[in-house]
Amino acid sequence: MAEVKQLAEYTVPAMLVGAAAGLIAGGLGAFVGQPIGWAIVTGLGLAVPLMVFGAGYAVLVALGKVPAGVFAPAAVYWVIAFPLALLMHAVVTAWVITGTPSLPPEPWKFLAFRALVSMGFAIGFLWMHEQIGRFWWPRIVGHNPYARRVVEQYTHLAAALQARKAARRTG
């Protein structure tokens, strides 16, 4: 039970990224004139799956299945998770607006296009995850082994980059 609590605590930055994406989507919906209820559905319909998938990615990092701060594994993860999150968003939105859950027209094309644009989300997710994490993980590193592991990975990476820079200056 303590392990699950520590994993959940570690995933806070990833879930905040999903929540921010939903907030932006809902805000844009309201800005373009959607009724407030539709804008809320838009925001929540996107935020919830992105928070869940974001937490899934963070758990993979926490368990050492994916290295921290490396783009390629994040891109592979999000090429699958991002289209699925948007598919869930489309189904929920259709359900709320029409009263019947339904897939978008040509779902394979829908998923393929979203897979293409997922690289942009992967870059943004990784960047925001690290930016929020650098403030959150040091706060919990004393009692959270997952945060400790990731902070150590980033510290090792920073030391290696600094050594490489120093070697270039002298050589």
N, C-alpha and C. Protein backbone atom coordinates (compact mmCIF):
# COMPACT_ATOMS: atom_id res chain seq x y z
N MET A 1 0.82 -1.20 0.00
CA MET A 1 0.00 0.00 0.00
C MET A 1 0.87 1.26 0.00
N ALA A 2 1.94 1.24 0.78
CA ALA A 2 2.84 2.40 0.82
C ALA A 2 3.49 2.61 -0.54
N GLU A 3 3.80 1.52 -1.24
CA GLU A 3 4.42 1.61 -2.56
C GLU A 3 3.48 2.30 -3.56
N VAL A 4 2.21 1.95 -3.51
CA VAL A 4 1.23 2.57 -4.41
C VAL A 4 1.10 4.06 -4.09
N LYS A 5 1.09 4.39 -2.81
CA LYS A 5 1.00 5.80 -2.40
C LYS A 5 2.23 6.57 -2.88
N GLN A 6 3.40 5.97 -2.78
CA GLN A 6 4.62 6.63 -3.24
C GLN A 6 4.62 6.80 -4.76
N LEU A 7 4.14 5.79 -5.48
CA LEU A 7 4.04 5.92 -6.93
C LEU A 7 3.06 7.03 -7.30
N ALA A 8 1.93 7.07 -6.63
CA ALA A 8 0.94 8.12 -6.91
C ALA A 8 1.54 9.50 -6.62
N GLU A 9 2.26 9.61 -5.52
CA GLU A 9 2.89 10.88 -5.16
C GLU A 9 3.92 11.28 -6.22
N TYR A 10 4.67 10.30 -6.72
CA TYR A 10 5.68 10.57 -7.74
C TYR A 10 5.03 11.05 -9.05
N THR A 11 3.83 10.58 -9.37
CA THR A 11 3.20 10.89 -10.66
C THR A 11 2.51 12.25 -10.70
N VAL A 12 2.53 12.99 -9.62
CA VAL A 12 1.85 14.29 -9.58
C VAL A 12 2.25 15.20 -10.75
N PRO A 13 3.54 15.36 -11.08
CA PRO A 13 3.87 16.23 -12.22
C PRO A 13 3.25 15.75 -13.54
N ALA A 14 3.25 14.46 -13.78
CA ALA A 14 2.67 13.93 -15.02
C ALA A 14 1.17 14.19 -15.07
N MET A 15 0.51 14.03 -13.95
CA MET A 15 -0.93 14.27 -13.93
C MET A 15 -1.24 15.76 -14.08
N LEU A 16 -0.37 16.61 -13.58
CA LEU A 16 -0.57 18.05 -13.76
C LEU A 16 -0.44 18.44 -15.23
N VAL A 17 0.45 17.76 -15.96
CA VAL A 17 0.58 18.04 -17.40
C VAL A 17 -0.73 17.71 -18.11
N GLY A 18 -1.33 16.56 -17.79
CA GLY A 18 -2.62 16.19 -18.38
C GLY A 18 -3.72 17.16 -18.01
N ALA A 19 -3.73 17.58 -16.75
CA ALA A 19 -4.73 18.55 -16.29
C ALA A 19 -4.55 19.88 -17.02
N ALA A 20 -3.31 20.30 -17.21
CA ALA A 20 -3.05 21.55 -17.93
C ALA A 20 -3.54 21.46 -19.37
N ALA A 21 -3.30 20.34 -20.02
CA ALA A 21 -3.76 20.16 -21.41
C ALA A 21 -5.28 20.24 -21.48
N GLY A 22 -5.96 19.63 -20.53
CA GLY A 22 -7.42 19.70 -20.49
C GLY A 22 -7.92 21.10 -20.22
N LEU A 23 -7.25 21.80 -19.31
CA LEU A 23 -7.62 23.18 -19.00
C LEU A 23 -7.47 24.07 -20.25
N ILE A 24 -6.39 23.87 -20.98
CA ILE A 24 -6.17 24.65 -22.20
C ILE A 24 -7.24 24.32 -23.23
N ALA A 25 -7.54 23.04 -23.41
CA ALA A 25 -8.57 22.64 -24.38
C ALA A 25 -9.93 23.22 -24.01
N GLY A 26 -10.29 23.12 -22.74
CA GLY A 26 -11.56 23.70 -22.29
C GLY A 26 -11.59 25.20 -22.46
N GLY A 27 -10.48 25.85 -22.12
CA GLY A 27 -10.39 27.31 -22.28
C GLY A 27 -10.50 27.73 -23.73
N LEU A 28 -9.86 26.98 -24.62
CA LEU A 28 -9.96 27.29 -26.05
C LEU A 28 -11.38 27.06 -26.54
N GLY A 29 -12.03 26.00 -26.04
CA GLY A 29 -13.42 25.76 -26.42
C GLY A 29 -14.32 26.92 -26.02
N ALA A 30 -14.14 27.41 -24.80
CA ALA A 30 -14.93 28.55 -24.35
C ALA A 30 -14.60 29.81 -25.16
N PHE A 31 -13.32 29.98 -25.48
CA PHE A 31 -12.88 31.16 -26.23
C PHE A 31 -13.50 31.23 -27.62
N VAL A 32 -13.65 30.06 -28.26
CA VAL A 32 -14.22 30.05 -29.61
C VAL A 32 -15.75 30.04 -29.61
N GLY A 33 -16.34 30.08 -28.42
CA GLY A 33 -17.78 30.24 -28.35
C GLY A 33 -18.58 29.00 -28.00
N GLN A 34 -17.92 27.91 -27.60
CA GLN A 34 -18.69 26.75 -27.14
C GLN A 34 -19.46 27.14 -25.89
N PRO A 35 -20.66 26.58 -25.71
CA PRO A 35 -21.34 26.78 -24.43
C PRO A 35 -20.45 26.27 -23.29
N ILE A 36 -20.59 26.87 -22.14
CA ILE A 36 -19.69 26.55 -21.01
C ILE A 36 -19.72 25.07 -20.67
N GLY A 37 -20.88 24.43 -20.75
CA GLY A 37 -20.97 23.00 -20.47
C GLY A 37 -20.15 22.18 -21.45
N TRP A 38 -20.18 22.54 -22.71
CA TRP A 38 -19.40 21.83 -23.73
C TRP A 38 -17.90 22.05 -23.50
N ALA A 39 -17.55 23.28 -23.12
CA ALA A 39 -16.14 23.58 -22.86
C ALA A 39 -15.63 22.75 -21.68
N ILE A 40 -16.47 22.60 -20.67
CA ILE A 40 -16.08 21.78 -19.50
C ILE A 40 -15.92 20.33 -19.92
N VAL A 41 -16.87 19.83 -20.72
CA VAL A 41 -16.77 18.45 -21.22
C VAL A 41 -15.50 18.29 -22.06
N THR A 42 -15.21 19.26 -22.90
CA THR A 42 -13.99 19.22 -23.70
C THR A 42 -12.76 19.12 -22.80
N GLY A 43 -12.71 19.99 -21.80
CA GLY A 43 -11.56 20.00 -20.89
C GLY A 43 -11.41 18.71 -20.11
N LEU A 44 -12.50 18.28 -19.49
CA LEU A 44 -12.44 17.05 -18.69
C LEU A 44 -12.26 15.81 -19.56
N GLY A 45 -12.91 15.81 -20.72
CA GLY A 45 -12.81 14.66 -21.62
C GLY A 45 -11.41 14.45 -22.13
N LEU A 46 -10.63 15.51 -22.18
CA LEU A 46 -9.23 15.38 -22.58
C LEU A 46 -8.32 15.23 -21.38
N ALA A 47 -8.58 15.99 -20.31
CA ALA A 47 -7.71 15.96 -19.15
C ALA A 47 -7.64 14.59 -18.49
N VAL A 48 -8.78 13.96 -18.30
CA VAL A 48 -8.79 12.69 -17.57
C VAL A 48 -7.95 11.61 -18.27
N PRO A 49 -8.16 11.35 -19.57
CA PRO A 49 -7.31 10.32 -20.19
C PRO A 49 -5.83 10.73 -20.25
N LEU A 50 -5.54 12.01 -20.46
CA LEU A 50 -4.14 12.42 -20.49
C LEU A 50 -3.50 12.32 -19.11
N MET A 51 -4.27 12.57 -18.07
CA MET A 51 -3.75 12.40 -16.71
C MET A 51 -3.45 10.92 -16.43
N VAL A 52 -4.35 10.05 -16.84
CA VAL A 52 -4.15 8.61 -16.62
C VAL A 52 -2.95 8.10 -17.41
N PHE A 53 -2.89 8.46 -18.71
CA PHE A 53 -1.75 8.03 -19.52
C PHE A 53 -0.45 8.68 -19.05
N GLY A 54 -0.51 9.93 -18.64
CA GLY A 54 0.68 10.59 -18.10
C GLY A 54 1.19 9.89 -16.85
N ALA A 55 0.26 9.52 -15.97
CA ALA A 55 0.66 8.77 -14.77
C ALA A 55 1.27 7.43 -15.16
N GLY A 56 0.72 6.79 -16.21
CA GLY A 56 1.28 5.53 -16.69
C GLY A 56 2.71 5.69 -17.14
N TYR A 57 2.99 6.76 -17.88
CA TYR A 57 4.36 7.02 -18.32
C TYR A 57 5.27 7.26 -17.11
N ALA A 58 4.80 8.05 -16.16
CA ALA A 58 5.60 8.34 -14.97
C ALA A 58 5.91 7.07 -14.18
N VAL A 59 4.95 6.16 -14.11
CA VAL A 59 5.19 4.89 -13.41
C VAL A 59 6.27 4.09 -14.12
N LEU A 60 6.25 4.09 -15.45
CA LEU A 60 7.32 3.40 -16.19
C LEU A 60 8.68 3.99 -15.88
N VAL A 61 8.77 5.31 -15.77
CA VAL A 61 10.03 5.96 -15.41
C VAL A 61 10.39 5.61 -13.97
N ALA A 62 9.42 5.68 -13.08
CA ALA A 62 9.68 5.41 -11.66
C ALA A 62 10.18 3.99 -11.44
N LEU A 63 9.66 3.04 -12.21
CA LEU A 63 10.05 1.64 -12.04
C LEU A 63 11.31 1.30 -12.83
N GLY A 64 11.88 2.27 -13.53
CA GLY A 64 13.11 2.04 -14.27
C GLY A 64 12.90 1.33 -15.61
N LYS A 65 11.68 1.26 -16.08
CA LYS A 65 11.41 0.62 -17.38
C LYS A 65 11.73 1.55 -18.53
N VAL A 66 11.71 2.86 -18.27
CA VAL A 66 12.00 3.89 -19.25
C VAL A 66 12.99 4.85 -18.59
N PRO A 67 14.06 5.23 -19.29
CA PRO A 67 15.00 6.18 -18.68
C PRO A 67 14.39 7.58 -18.58
N ALA A 68 14.72 8.27 -17.53
CA ALA A 68 14.20 9.63 -17.31
C ALA A 68 14.81 10.59 -18.31
N GLY A 69 13.97 11.46 -18.88
CA GLY A 69 14.45 12.53 -19.72
C GLY A 69 14.89 12.16 -21.12
N VAL A 70 14.59 10.96 -21.57
CA VAL A 70 14.99 10.53 -22.91
C VAL A 70 13.77 10.59 -23.82
N PHE A 71 13.92 11.23 -24.98
CA PHE A 71 12.78 11.48 -25.84
C PHE A 71 12.24 10.23 -26.53
N ALA A 72 13.10 9.38 -27.05
CA ALA A 72 12.62 8.25 -27.87
C ALA A 72 11.59 7.38 -27.14
N PRO A 73 11.85 6.95 -25.90
CA PRO A 73 10.81 6.16 -25.22
C PRO A 73 9.52 6.94 -24.99
N ALA A 74 9.64 8.24 -24.70
CA ALA A 74 8.44 9.06 -24.53
C ALA A 74 7.67 9.14 -25.84
N ALA A 75 8.38 9.27 -26.94
CA ALA A 75 7.72 9.35 -28.25
C ALA A 75 7.00 8.05 -28.56
N VAL A 76 7.63 6.92 -28.28
CA VAL A 76 6.99 5.62 -28.54
C VAL A 76 5.75 5.47 -27.67
N TYR A 77 5.86 5.84 -26.41
CA TYR A 77 4.72 5.75 -25.50
C TYR A 77 3.56 6.61 -25.99
N TRP A 78 3.85 7.87 -26.33
CA TRP A 78 2.79 8.80 -26.69
C TRP A 78 2.24 8.57 -28.08
N VAL A 79 2.97 7.89 -28.97
CA VAL A 79 2.42 7.59 -30.29
C VAL A 79 1.25 6.61 -30.15
N ILE A 80 1.21 5.89 -29.06
CA ILE A 80 0.08 4.99 -28.77
C ILE A 80 -0.92 5.68 -27.84
N ALA A 81 -0.43 6.26 -26.76
CA ALA A 81 -1.32 6.81 -25.73
C ALA A 81 -2.06 8.07 -26.18
N PHE A 82 -1.40 8.95 -26.92
CA PHE A 82 -2.03 10.21 -27.31
C PHE A 82 -3.24 9.98 -28.22
N PRO A 83 -3.13 9.16 -29.27
CA PRO A 83 -4.33 8.90 -30.08
C PRO A 83 -5.45 8.24 -29.29
N LEU A 84 -5.10 7.34 -28.38
CA LEU A 84 -6.13 6.69 -27.56
C LEU A 84 -6.82 7.70 -26.65
N ALA A 85 -6.05 8.64 -26.08
CA ALA A 85 -6.64 9.68 -25.24
C ALA A 85 -7.59 10.55 -26.05
N LEU A 86 -7.19 10.90 -27.26
CA LEU A 86 -8.06 11.72 -28.10
C LEU A 86 -9.28 10.94 -28.59
N LEU A 87 -9.13 9.65 -28.78
CA LEU A 87 -10.28 8.82 -29.14
C LEU A 87 -11.28 8.79 -27.99
N MET A 88 -10.78 8.62 -26.76
CA MET A 88 -11.67 8.65 -25.59
C MET A 88 -12.36 10.01 -25.50
N HIS A 89 -11.61 11.06 -25.75
CA HIS A 89 -12.18 12.41 -25.72
C HIS A 89 -13.30 12.54 -26.76
N ALA A 90 -13.07 12.03 -27.96
CA ALA A 90 -14.08 12.11 -29.02
C ALA A 90 -15.34 11.32 -28.66
N VAL A 91 -15.16 10.14 -28.09
CA VAL A 91 -16.30 9.30 -27.72
C VAL A 91 -17.11 9.97 -26.61
N VAL A 92 -16.42 10.47 -25.58
CA VAL A 92 -17.10 11.13 -24.46
C VAL A 92 -17.82 12.39 -24.94
N THR A 93 -17.17 13.18 -25.77
CA THR A 93 -17.78 14.40 -26.28
C THR A 93 -19.04 14.08 -27.08
N ALA A 94 -18.93 13.09 -27.95
CA ALA A 94 -20.12 12.69 -28.74
C ALA A 94 -21.24 12.22 -27.81
N TRP A 95 -20.89 11.48 -26.78
CA TRP A 95 -21.87 10.95 -25.84
C TRP A 95 -22.61 12.08 -25.13
N VAL A 96 -21.85 13.06 -24.65
CA VAL A 96 -22.47 14.16 -23.91
C VAL A 96 -23.31 15.04 -24.83
N ILE A 97 -22.83 15.29 -26.02
CA ILE A 97 -23.54 16.21 -26.92
C ILE A 97 -24.74 15.55 -27.59
N THR A 98 -24.56 14.29 -28.03
CA THR A 98 -25.65 13.63 -28.77
C THR A 98 -26.46 12.66 -27.93
N GLY A 99 -25.94 12.28 -26.77
CA GLY A 99 -26.62 11.31 -25.93
C GLY A 99 -26.25 9.87 -26.23
N THR A 100 -25.40 9.67 -27.23
CA THR A 100 -24.98 8.32 -27.61
C THR A 100 -23.47 8.31 -27.83
N PRO A 101 -22.76 7.39 -27.14
CA PRO A 101 -21.32 7.31 -27.41
C PRO A 101 -21.10 6.77 -28.82
N SER A 102 -20.16 7.38 -29.53
CA SER A 102 -19.87 6.90 -30.88
C SER A 102 -18.43 7.21 -31.25
N LEU A 103 -17.90 6.36 -32.14
CA LEU A 103 -16.56 6.58 -32.65
C LEU A 103 -16.60 7.68 -33.71
N PRO A 104 -15.49 8.37 -33.90
CA PRO A 104 -15.46 9.35 -34.98
C PRO A 104 -15.51 8.63 -36.33
N PRO A 105 -15.89 9.34 -37.38
CA PRO A 105 -15.89 8.71 -38.70
C PRO A 105 -14.46 8.26 -39.06
N GLU A 106 -14.35 7.12 -39.70
CA GLU A 106 -13.07 6.56 -40.10
C GLU A 106 -12.08 6.53 -38.92
N PRO A 107 -12.36 5.73 -37.91
CA PRO A 107 -11.54 5.74 -36.69
C PRO A 107 -10.06 5.43 -36.93
N TRP A 108 -9.74 4.59 -37.92
CA TRP A 108 -8.32 4.27 -38.17
C TRP A 108 -7.58 5.50 -38.69
N LYS A 109 -8.24 6.27 -39.55
CA LYS A 109 -7.62 7.51 -40.03
C LYS A 109 -7.49 8.52 -38.88
N PHE A 110 -8.52 8.57 -38.04
CA PHE A 110 -8.50 9.43 -36.86
C PHE A 110 -7.28 9.10 -36.00
N LEU A 111 -7.09 7.81 -35.71
CA LEU A 111 -5.97 7.37 -34.87
C LEU A 111 -4.63 7.62 -35.56
N ALA A 112 -4.55 7.36 -36.86
CA ALA A 112 -3.28 7.53 -37.58
C ALA A 112 -2.84 8.99 -37.58
N PHE A 113 -3.78 9.91 -37.83
CA PHE A 113 -3.41 11.32 -37.83
C PHE A 113 -2.95 11.76 -36.44
N ARG A 114 -3.67 11.32 -35.42
CA ARG A 114 -3.28 11.70 -34.05
C ARG A 114 -1.94 11.10 -33.67
N ALA A 115 -1.62 9.93 -34.21
CA ALA A 115 -0.29 9.34 -33.96
C ALA A 115 0.80 10.23 -34.57
N LEU A 116 0.52 10.80 -35.74
CA LEU A 116 1.50 11.70 -36.36
C LEU A 116 1.75 12.94 -35.52
N VAL A 117 0.70 13.54 -34.99
CA VAL A 117 0.87 14.76 -34.21
C VAL A 117 1.27 14.49 -32.76
N SER A 118 1.32 13.22 -32.39
CA SER A 118 1.69 12.87 -31.01
C SER A 118 3.12 13.26 -30.67
N MET A 119 3.98 13.36 -31.67
CA MET A 119 5.37 13.73 -31.39
C MET A 119 5.45 15.11 -30.75
N GLY A 120 4.63 16.02 -31.23
CA GLY A 120 4.60 17.35 -30.62
C GLY A 120 4.15 17.29 -29.17
N PHE A 121 3.12 16.47 -28.92
CA PHE A 121 2.66 16.33 -27.54
C PHE A 121 3.74 15.67 -26.68
N ALA A 122 4.43 14.68 -27.24
CA ALA A 122 5.48 13.99 -26.48
C ALA A 122 6.58 14.96 -26.06
N ILE A 123 6.97 15.85 -26.98
CA ILE A 123 7.99 16.85 -26.65
C ILE A 123 7.49 17.76 -25.53
N GLY A 124 6.28 18.27 -25.68
CA GLY A 124 5.72 19.16 -24.67
C GLY A 124 5.51 18.46 -23.33
N PHE A 125 5.02 17.22 -23.39
CA PHE A 125 4.81 16.46 -22.16
C PHE A 125 6.13 16.27 -21.43
N LEU A 126 7.15 15.80 -22.13
CA LEU A 126 8.44 15.53 -21.49
C LEU A 126 9.02 16.80 -20.89
N TRP A 127 8.94 17.89 -21.63
CA TRP A 127 9.48 19.15 -21.13
C TRP A 127 8.73 19.61 -19.88
N MET A 128 7.38 19.61 -19.95
CA MET A 128 6.60 20.06 -18.79
C MET A 128 6.77 19.12 -17.61
N HIS A 129 6.83 17.82 -17.88
CA HIS A 129 7.01 16.83 -16.81
C HIS A 129 8.31 17.10 -16.06
N GLU A 130 9.36 17.37 -16.81
CA GLU A 130 10.65 17.66 -16.17
C GLU A 130 10.63 19.00 -15.44
N GLN A 131 9.98 20.01 -16.03
CA GLN A 131 9.94 21.33 -15.38
C GLN A 131 9.17 21.29 -14.07
N ILE A 132 8.03 20.63 -14.07
CA ILE A 132 7.25 20.52 -12.83
C ILE A 132 7.96 19.57 -11.87
N GLY A 133 8.49 18.48 -12.40
CA GLY A 133 9.18 17.49 -11.57
C GLY A 133 10.38 18.05 -10.84
N ARG A 134 11.10 18.96 -11.47
CA ARG A 134 12.30 19.49 -10.81
C ARG A 134 11.97 20.30 -9.56
N PHE A 135 10.72 20.74 -9.45
CA PHE A 135 10.28 21.41 -8.23
C PHE A 135 9.63 20.42 -7.25
N TRP A 136 8.98 19.39 -7.78
CA TRP A 136 8.23 18.45 -6.94
C TRP A 136 9.11 17.35 -6.36
N TRP A 137 9.90 16.67 -7.20
CA TRP A 137 10.65 15.50 -6.74
C TRP A 137 11.66 15.81 -5.63
N PRO A 138 12.39 16.95 -5.66
CA PRO A 138 13.28 17.22 -4.52
C PRO A 138 12.53 17.39 -3.19
N ARG A 139 11.27 17.79 -3.25
CA ARG A 139 10.47 17.94 -2.02
C ARG A 139 10.16 16.58 -1.38
N ILE A 140 10.04 15.55 -2.22
CA ILE A 140 9.62 14.24 -1.72
C ILE A 140 10.75 13.21 -1.73
N VAL A 141 11.94 13.63 -2.16
CA VAL A 141 13.05 12.69 -2.33
C VAL A 141 13.44 12.00 -1.02
N GLY A 142 13.22 12.66 0.11
CA GLY A 142 13.59 12.09 1.41
C GLY A 142 12.80 10.85 1.80
N HIS A 143 11.57 10.75 1.34
CA HIS A 143 10.74 9.61 1.73
C HIS A 143 10.20 8.82 0.54
N ASN A 144 10.56 9.22 -0.68
CA ASN A 144 10.01 8.56 -1.86
C ASN A 144 11.15 7.98 -2.70
N PRO A 145 11.29 6.65 -2.72
CA PRO A 145 12.41 6.04 -3.45
C PRO A 145 12.32 6.25 -4.97
N TYR A 146 11.13 6.43 -5.50
CA TYR A 146 10.98 6.66 -6.94
C TYR A 146 11.52 8.04 -7.30
N ALA A 147 11.18 9.03 -6.51
CA ALA A 147 11.72 10.37 -6.74
C ALA A 147 13.23 10.36 -6.57
N ARG A 148 13.72 9.65 -5.57
CA ARG A 148 15.17 9.58 -5.33
C ARG A 148 15.88 9.00 -6.55
N ARG A 149 15.33 7.92 -7.11
CA ARG A 149 15.94 7.27 -8.27
C ARG A 149 15.99 8.22 -9.46
N VAL A 150 14.92 8.91 -9.70
CA VAL A 150 14.87 9.81 -10.86
C VAL A 150 15.76 11.03 -10.65
N VAL A 151 15.78 11.58 -9.46
CA VAL A 151 16.67 12.72 -9.19
C VAL A 151 18.11 12.28 -9.36
N GLU A 152 18.46 11.09 -8.93
CA GLU A 152 19.82 10.57 -9.12
C GLU A 152 20.14 10.41 -10.61
N GLN A 153 19.16 9.94 -11.41
CA GLN A 153 19.38 9.83 -12.85
C GLN A 153 19.66 11.19 -13.47
N TYR A 154 18.86 12.18 -13.13
CA TYR A 154 19.07 13.52 -13.67
C TYR A 154 20.39 14.12 -13.19
N THR A 155 20.76 13.87 -11.94
CA THR A 155 22.02 14.36 -11.42
C THR A 155 23.19 13.73 -12.17
N HIS A 156 23.11 12.44 -12.40
CA HIS A 156 24.16 11.74 -13.16
C HIS A 156 24.25 12.28 -14.59
N LEU A 157 23.11 12.49 -15.22
CA LEU A 157 23.07 13.04 -16.58
C LEU A 157 23.68 14.44 -16.62
N ALA A 158 23.35 15.28 -15.65
CA ALA A 158 23.89 16.64 -15.59
C ALA A 158 25.41 16.60 -15.38
N ALA A 159 25.88 15.71 -14.52
CA ALA A 159 27.32 15.60 -14.28
C ALA A 159 28.05 15.13 -15.54
N ALA A 160 27.46 14.19 -16.26
CA ALA A 160 28.08 13.70 -17.49
C ALA A 160 28.14 14.81 -18.55
N LEU A 161 27.07 15.60 -18.67
CA LEU A 161 27.07 16.71 -19.62
C LEU A 161 28.08 17.77 -19.23
N GLN A 162 28.20 18.04 -17.95
CA GLN A 162 29.17 19.03 -17.48
C GLN A 162 30.59 18.55 -17.73
N ALA A 163 30.85 17.27 -17.51
CA ALA A 163 32.18 16.71 -17.78
C ALA A 163 32.50 16.78 -19.27
N ARG A 164 31.51 16.51 -20.11
CA ARG A 164 31.71 16.59 -21.56
C ARG A 164 32.04 18.03 -22.00
N LYS A 165 31.32 19.00 -21.41
CA LYS A 165 31.59 20.40 -21.71
C LYS A 165 33.00 20.78 -21.30
N ALA A 166 33.39 20.36 -20.10
CA ALA A 166 34.72 20.67 -19.58
C ALA A 166 35.80 20.04 -20.46
N ALA A 167 35.57 18.84 -20.94
CA ALA A 167 36.54 18.16 -21.80
C ALA A 167 36.68 18.90 -23.14
N ARG A 168 35.61 19.44 -23.66
CA ARG A 168 35.66 20.20 -24.92
C ARG A 168 36.45 21.48 -24.74
N ARG A 169 36.26 22.13 -23.59
CA ARG A 169 36.97 23.40 -23.34
C ARG A 169 38.47 23.17 -23.22
N THR A 170 38.85 22.09 -22.56
CA THR A 170 40.29 21.83 -22.37
C THR A 170 40.92 21.15 -23.59
N GLY A 171 40.13 20.46 -24.36
CA GLY A 171 40.69 19.71 -25.50
C GLY A 171 40.31 20.34 -26.76
